[in-house]
Protein backbone atom coordinates (compact mmCIF):
# COMPACT_ATOMS: atom_id res chain seq x y z
CA MET A 1 10.80 -14.64 -4.24
CA ALA A 2 8.89 -12.43 -6.67
CA ASP A 3 9.14 -8.69 -6.22
CA LEU A 4 6.18 -7.16 -4.46
CA VAL A 5 4.43 -4.44 -6.45
CA GLY A 6 2.12 -1.91 -4.83
CA THR A 7 0.34 1.26 -5.85
CA ARG A 8 0.79 4.73 -4.50
CA MET A 9 -2.36 6.64 -3.67
CA ILE A 10 -3.87 8.06 -6.84
CA ASP A 11 -4.56 11.78 -7.09
CA ASP A 12 -5.65 12.47 -10.65
CA GLY A 13 -7.64 15.65 -10.05
CA ARG A 14 -11.06 14.11 -10.65
CA THR A 15 -14.00 15.06 -8.45
CA ALA A 16 -15.80 12.46 -6.33
CA ARG A 17 -18.71 12.65 -8.77
CA GLU A 18 -16.44 12.01 -11.76
CA ILE A 19 -14.90 8.98 -10.08
CA PHE A 20 -18.35 7.65 -9.16
CA ASP A 21 -19.62 8.07 -12.72
CA SER A 22 -16.54 6.26 -14.04
CA VAL A 23 -17.01 3.33 -11.66
CA MET A 24 -20.71 3.03 -12.49
CA ALA A 25 -20.04 3.18 -16.24
CA ASN A 26 -17.61 0.26 -16.10
CA PRO A 27 -19.26 -2.61 -18.03
CA ALA A 28 -17.26 -5.11 -15.97
CA ARG A 29 -18.66 -3.77 -12.68
CA ARG A 30 -19.21 -6.79 -10.46
CA LYS A 31 -22.36 -7.23 -8.41
CA PHE A 32 -23.62 -9.35 -5.54
CA GLY A 33 -27.07 -9.29 -7.13
CA PHE A 34 -30.50 -9.89 -5.66
CA GLY A 35 -31.40 -13.03 -3.77
CA GLN A 36 -34.90 -14.40 -3.20
CA LYS A 37 -36.34 -12.05 -0.58
CA LEU A 38 -35.39 -8.52 0.34
CA ALA A 39 -36.05 -6.10 3.16
CA ILE A 40 -36.16 -2.33 2.81
CA VAL A 41 -34.20 -0.65 5.62
CA ASN A 42 -34.99 3.07 5.69
CA VAL A 43 -32.38 4.81 7.83
CA ASP A 44 -33.16 7.97 9.81
CA PHE A 45 -35.89 9.68 7.82
CA GLN A 46 -36.48 12.00 10.76
CA LEU A 47 -37.00 15.73 10.81
CA ALA A 48 -33.54 16.41 12.23
CA TYR A 49 -32.16 15.24 8.87
CA THR A 50 -34.94 15.90 6.36
CA ALA A 51 -36.51 19.25 7.35
CA ILE A 52 -34.12 21.57 5.53
CA ASP A 53 -36.39 24.54 6.26
CA ARG A 54 -36.16 23.99 10.03
CA PHE A 55 -32.92 22.32 11.09
CA ALA A 56 -29.28 23.05 10.27
CA THR A 57 -28.55 19.33 10.52
CA ALA A 58 -30.91 18.51 7.63
CA TYR A 59 -29.84 17.93 4.03
CA GLU A 60 -31.38 17.11 0.65
CA THR A 61 -29.73 15.50 -2.37
CA ASP A 62 -32.56 14.25 -4.59
CA PRO A 63 -35.83 16.13 -3.92
CA ARG A 64 -37.75 12.93 -4.81
CA GLN A 65 -35.87 10.82 -2.26
CA ILE A 66 -38.81 10.17 0.06
CA GLU A 67 -41.14 9.58 -2.89
CA TYR A 68 -38.82 6.83 -4.14
CA VAL A 69 -38.52 5.32 -0.67
CA ASN A 70 -42.30 5.26 -0.27
CA ARG A 71 -42.62 3.47 -3.60
CA LEU A 72 -40.01 0.85 -2.75
CA SER A 73 -41.60 0.30 0.64
CA ALA A 74 -45.10 -0.11 -0.84
CA LEU A 75 -43.86 -2.58 -3.45
CA ALA A 76 -42.05 -4.63 -0.81
CA ARG A 77 -45.08 -4.71 1.51
CA ALA A 78 -47.34 -5.86 -1.31
CA ARG A 79 -45.01 -8.85 -1.77
CA ASN A 80 -44.82 -9.70 1.96
CA MET A 81 -41.28 -8.42 2.22
CA PRO A 82 -40.41 -6.49 5.39
CA VAL A 83 -40.02 -2.73 5.65
CA ILE A 84 -38.00 -1.21 8.49
CA TRP A 85 -37.61 2.39 9.64
CA SER A 86 -34.92 3.57 12.06
CA HIS A 87 -34.42 6.93 13.69
CA VAL A 88 -32.02 8.19 16.33
CA ALA A 89 -32.56 9.86 19.72
CA TYR A 90 -31.25 9.92 23.28
CA LYS A 91 -32.54 10.26 26.80
CA ALA A 92 -32.67 13.62 28.56
CA ASP A 93 -29.11 13.57 29.94
CA ALA A 94 -27.68 12.01 26.75
CA GLY A 95 -26.08 9.31 28.88
CA ASP A 96 -26.83 6.73 26.20
CA ALA A 97 -25.01 8.63 23.42
CA GLY A 98 -21.59 7.40 24.50
CA ILE A 99 -18.41 8.92 23.12
CA TRP A 100 -20.28 9.84 19.91
CA GLY A 101 -22.10 12.51 21.90
CA THR A 102 -19.04 14.29 23.27
CA ARG A 103 -17.50 16.08 20.29
CA THR A 104 -19.83 19.10 20.41
CA ASP A 105 -22.61 20.32 22.66
CA THR A 106 -24.92 22.74 20.86
CA PRO A 107 -28.69 22.64 20.26
CA ASP A 108 -27.89 21.00 16.90
CA SER A 109 -25.60 18.31 18.33
CA LEU A 110 -26.46 14.68 17.81
CA GLN A 111 -26.91 13.88 21.49
CA ASN A 112 -29.46 16.68 21.80
CA ILE A 113 -31.96 14.82 19.65
CA LYS A 114 -34.20 13.75 22.54
CA TYR A 115 -36.81 11.01 22.60
CA ASP A 116 -40.18 12.19 21.25
CA SER A 117 -38.81 15.61 20.29
CA GLU A 118 -39.60 17.17 16.94
CA ARG A 119 -36.14 16.26 15.65
CA HIS A 120 -36.77 12.61 16.57
CA HIS A 121 -40.08 12.39 14.69
CA PHE A 122 -40.24 10.71 11.31
CA ASP A 123 -40.81 13.05 8.39
CA PRO A 124 -44.59 13.14 7.80
CA ARG A 125 -43.98 12.58 4.09
CA CYS A 126 -42.87 9.03 4.92
CA GLU A 127 -45.68 6.55 4.33
CA ILE A 128 -45.10 4.24 7.28
CA ASP A 129 -47.46 1.29 7.60
CA PRO A 130 -48.52 0.02 11.05
CA GLY A 131 -47.01 -3.34 10.11
CA ASP A 132 -43.57 -1.90 9.43
CA LEU A 133 -40.87 -2.35 12.05
CA GLN A 134 -39.87 0.98 13.65
CA PHE A 135 -37.15 1.51 16.21
CA THR A 136 -34.84 4.13 17.70
CA LYS A 137 -31.11 3.49 17.42
CA ARG A 138 -28.20 5.15 19.18
CA MET A 139 -25.26 4.55 16.87
CA PRO A 140 -24.65 4.91 13.11
CA SER A 141 -25.59 1.39 12.02
CA ALA A 142 -29.23 0.29 12.14
CA PHE A 143 -27.86 -3.12 13.18
CA PHE A 144 -25.92 -2.00 16.26
CA GLU A 145 -27.68 -3.11 19.47
CA THR A 146 -31.09 -3.25 17.75
CA SER A 147 -33.49 -6.06 16.84
CA LEU A 148 -32.80 -5.68 13.11
CA ALA A 149 -30.55 -8.74 12.65
CA SER A 150 -32.95 -11.15 14.36
CA TYR A 151 -35.92 -9.60 12.53
CA LEU A 152 -34.30 -10.26 9.16
CA VAL A 153 -33.46 -13.84 10.16
CA TRP A 154 -37.06 -14.48 11.24
CA HIS A 155 -38.33 -13.18 7.89
CA LYS A 156 -35.83 -15.30 5.94
CA VAL A 157 -34.38 -12.29 4.16
CA ASP A 158 -31.24 -12.67 2.05
CA THR A 159 -31.03 -9.18 0.51
CA VAL A 160 -31.07 -5.80 2.27
CA VAL A 161 -31.88 -2.55 0.46
CA VAL A 162 -30.54 0.42 2.44
CA THR A 163 -31.98 3.90 1.95
CA GLY A 164 -31.72 7.13 3.94
CA GLY A 165 -29.06 9.41 5.26
CA SER A 166 -26.43 10.27 5.55
CA THR A 167 -24.73 8.40 2.74
CA SER A 168 -21.35 8.88 4.42
CA GLY A 169 -22.65 8.09 7.91
CA CYS A 170 -25.55 5.91 8.89
CA VAL A 171 -26.29 4.54 5.41
CA ARG A 172 -22.69 3.49 4.96
CA ALA A 173 -22.48 2.00 8.47
CA THR A 174 -25.71 0.06 7.95
CA ALA A 175 -24.62 -1.21 4.53
CA VAL A 176 -21.25 -2.40 5.85
CA ASP A 177 -22.94 -4.18 8.76
CA SER A 178 -25.47 -5.69 6.37
CA LEU A 179 -22.67 -7.25 4.33
CA SER A 180 -20.94 -8.33 7.54
CA HIS A 181 -24.12 -10.16 8.58
CA GLY A 182 -24.06 -12.06 5.29
CA TYR A 183 -26.68 -10.15 3.29
CA ARG A 184 -26.58 -9.14 -0.33
CA THR A 185 -26.71 -5.38 0.08
CA ILE A 186 -28.13 -2.84 -2.34
CA VAL A 187 -28.00 0.96 -2.05
CA PRO A 188 -30.34 2.76 -4.50
CA ILE A 189 -28.65 5.99 -5.55
CA GLU A 190 -31.64 8.33 -5.52
CA THR A 191 -32.78 7.19 -2.07
CA CYS A 192 -29.68 8.41 -0.23
CA ALA A 193 -28.69 11.92 0.79
CA ASP A 194 -25.78 13.80 2.31
CA LYS A 195 -24.69 17.36 3.02
CA HIS A 196 -22.01 17.60 0.36
CA ALA A 197 -21.59 16.05 -3.08
CA SER A 198 -18.04 15.00 -2.21
CA TYR A 199 -19.09 12.94 0.83
CA HIS A 200 -22.09 11.52 -1.01
CA PHE A 201 -20.35 10.34 -4.17
CA ALA A 202 -17.10 9.27 -2.51
CA ASN A 203 -19.02 6.96 -0.20
CA LEU A 204 -21.28 5.61 -2.94
CA THR A 205 -18.10 4.79 -4.88
CA ASP A 206 -16.53 3.02 -1.92
CA LEU A 207 -19.72 1.09 -1.17
CA GLN A 208 -19.91 -0.08 -4.79
CA LEU A 209 -16.27 -1.13 -4.89
CA LYS A 210 -16.36 -3.06 -1.60
CA TYR A 211 -19.61 -3.60 0.26
CA ALA A 212 -22.79 -3.22 -1.80
CA ASP A 213 -24.39 -2.95 -5.19
CA VAL A 214 -25.03 0.74 -5.79
CA GLU A 215 -27.87 0.87 -8.29
CA PRO A 216 -30.41 3.30 -9.77
CA VAL A 217 -33.63 3.05 -7.80
CA GLN A 218 -35.37 1.82 -10.95
CA ALA A 219 -33.35 -1.40 -10.77
CA VAL A 220 -34.90 -2.22 -7.40
CA ILE A 221 -38.37 -1.18 -8.60
CA ASP A 222 -38.01 -3.45 -11.63
CA TRP A 223 -36.92 -6.41 -9.48
CA LEU A 224 -39.86 -5.95 -7.11
CA GLU A 225 -42.40 -5.48 -9.88
CA ALA A 226 -41.21 -8.71 -11.50
CA ARG A 227 -41.90 -10.76 -8.37
């Protein structure tokens, strides 16, 4: 029997950003690629997470994030490809937040984002069309206990582009579930945000290595414009 050879965990002193840049610069980087029809899934562009001048829970990575998302969404709509927007909120007693809503209990806590509150509202900078699918979710993934999976099946989608926040939370969870549902999954770098560069780049790296194609937003724009 051949000897088994493993690898100890690497700790080479590089930052999460340096590791990400190295992975992205690899000319042999493998990709799932685009299919024939994509959907844009915009995760949690709500004031609780985008209004950095109002809420401690908000964050910004690329100041043009929403501009890029609006452009991707408009291009997809013009080609009869679906656009979806999720946001998160809970009922008054937070009884639908489950165990996720028990770690803290402050005005900023997740479970205290109430239905139809300011924190629940989509950021007004988002250009949401009446024909877009909009829904409120309760858990990190936009797939979990929502109509998203059946909606994508009905529209004969084979590729899911995930944007939003946080990169390390709901974007990651949605991207992993997208792959698990059998979709080619693409995460445009400039369309995602997180509170800390370490969380952001570490999770983009992990998504690229395992679950998704992490690409510059221009790659998705180019693909859509070529359709």
